[in-house]
């Protein structure tokens, strides 16, 4: 049996959504890369390991697990640095990668 494909869907947060994430030891970063991990039929993938990589030098910046609804949010410092996201879950085996030009945006 082949591995399923992990896909990304645009994910928009309402203005009152609490990201509940503190990336800098007490100071929230001003911009976010936000997404949702879904499988090949569009079902959310909870508990996937999600990594944020800086595209220019392929440096791993942050790692987290996707939430129960498959969402993730990474805090970043600007809106111009390009990143990409890699995500996978071991059981059942599923994984994927985004495009390499994601940039931060205000939540």
Protein backbone atom coordinates (compact mmCIF):
# COMPACT_ATOMS: atom_id res chain seq x y z
CA UNK A 1 0.00 0.00 0.00
CA UNK A 2 1.43 3.39 -1.01
CA UNK A 3 1.86 6.34 1.29
CA UNK A 4 -0.83 8.97 1.36
CA UNK A 5 0.10 12.51 0.38
CA UNK A 6 0.00 15.32 2.91
CA UNK A 7 -1.42 18.44 1.31
CA UNK A 8 -1.77 22.06 2.41
CA UNK A 9 -4.88 24.16 2.24
CA UNK A 10 -5.09 27.92 2.71
CA UNK A 11 -6.09 28.59 6.28
CA UNK A 12 -7.48 31.93 7.34
CA UNK A 13 -7.85 32.89 10.98
CA UNK A 14 -10.67 35.08 12.25
CA UNK A 15 -9.39 38.27 13.93
CA UNK A 16 -10.17 36.93 17.41
CA UNK A 17 -8.38 33.59 16.94
CA UNK A 18 -5.84 33.05 19.73
CA UNK A 19 -2.70 31.50 18.29
CA UNK A 20 -1.59 30.67 21.83
CA UNK A 21 2.02 30.46 20.71
CA UNK A 22 4.97 32.23 22.29
CA UNK A 23 8.04 31.92 20.09
CA UNK A 24 10.47 34.34 21.68
CA UNK A 25 10.45 33.83 25.42
CA UNK A 26 7.71 36.33 26.16
CA UNK A 27 7.42 38.36 22.96
CA UNK A 28 5.10 37.36 20.14
CA UNK A 29 6.60 37.67 16.67
CA UNK A 30 4.66 40.10 14.46
CA UNK A 31 4.02 37.86 11.42
CA UNK A 32 2.95 34.27 10.87
CA UNK A 33 3.07 31.47 8.37
CA UNK A 34 -0.19 29.65 9.00
CA UNK A 35 -1.52 26.52 7.34
CA UNK A 36 -3.39 23.27 7.68
CA UNK A 37 -2.17 19.75 7.00
CA UNK A 38 -4.77 17.64 5.20
CA UNK A 39 -4.61 14.22 3.55
CA UNK A 40 -5.41 13.39 -0.08
CA UNK A 41 -9.17 13.44 0.62
CA UNK A 42 -9.07 16.73 2.55
CA UNK A 43 -9.27 15.33 6.09
CA UNK A 44 -7.20 17.20 8.71
CA UNK A 45 -3.96 15.50 9.78
CA UNK A 46 -3.48 15.88 13.53
CA UNK A 47 -0.15 15.27 15.23
CA UNK A 48 2.00 15.68 12.13
CA UNK A 49 5.55 16.93 12.67
CA UNK A 50 5.66 20.30 10.91
CA UNK A 51 8.97 22.02 10.17
CA UNK A 52 9.60 25.57 8.96
CA UNK A 53 12.71 25.91 6.75
CA UNK A 54 14.29 29.11 5.43
CA UNK A 55 14.45 28.69 1.66
CA UNK A 56 17.64 30.67 0.96
CA UNK A 57 19.97 28.40 2.92
CA UNK A 58 17.68 25.46 3.76
CA UNK A 59 18.07 26.11 7.48
CA UNK A 60 15.56 24.52 9.86
CA UNK A 61 13.96 27.38 11.81
CA UNK A 62 11.17 25.84 13.92
CA UNK A 63 9.40 22.52 14.52
CA UNK A 64 5.97 21.81 16.00
CA UNK A 65 3.09 19.33 15.85
CA UNK A 66 -0.09 20.07 13.95
CA UNK A 67 -3.15 20.62 16.13
CA UNK A 68 -6.22 18.36 16.27
CA UNK A 69 -7.69 20.23 13.27
CA UNK A 70 -4.40 19.91 11.33
CA UNK A 71 -3.46 23.58 11.70
CA UNK A 72 -0.06 25.06 12.49
CA UNK A 73 1.28 28.60 12.93
CA UNK A 74 4.91 29.69 12.87
CA UNK A 75 5.95 33.13 14.08
CA UNK A 76 8.39 34.97 11.79
CA UNK A 77 10.06 38.37 11.93
CA UNK A 78 9.22 39.84 8.50
CA UNK A 79 7.13 39.56 5.34
CA UNK A 80 9.94 39.14 2.80
CA UNK A 81 12.04 36.13 3.84
CA UNK A 82 10.92 33.04 1.86
CA UNK A 83 10.29 29.79 3.74
CA UNK A 84 8.92 26.34 3.03
CA UNK A 85 7.15 23.82 5.25
CA UNK A 86 7.79 20.08 5.50
CA UNK A 87 5.33 17.87 7.36
CA UNK A 88 4.95 14.17 8.05
CA UNK A 89 3.36 11.64 10.35
CA UNK A 90 4.82 8.16 10.82
CA UNK A 91 1.66 6.14 11.38
CA UNK A 92 -0.07 5.93 9.08
CA UNK A 93 2.81 7.06 6.86
CA UNK A 94 2.02 10.42 5.26
CA UNK A 95 4.11 13.43 4.30
CA UNK A 96 4.57 16.41 2.02
CA UNK A 97 6.27 19.72 1.32
CA UNK A 98 5.04 23.18 0.34
CA UNK A 99 6.31 25.58 -2.30
CA UNK A 100 9.53 27.41 -1.35
CA UNK A 101 8.18 30.97 -1.38
CA UNK A 102 5.99 31.24 1.73
CA UNK A 103 6.34 34.56 3.53
CA UNK A 104 5.01 35.90 6.80
CA UNK A 105 1.74 37.82 7.02
CA UNK A 106 -0.11 39.53 9.85
CA UNK A 107 -2.61 37.20 11.55
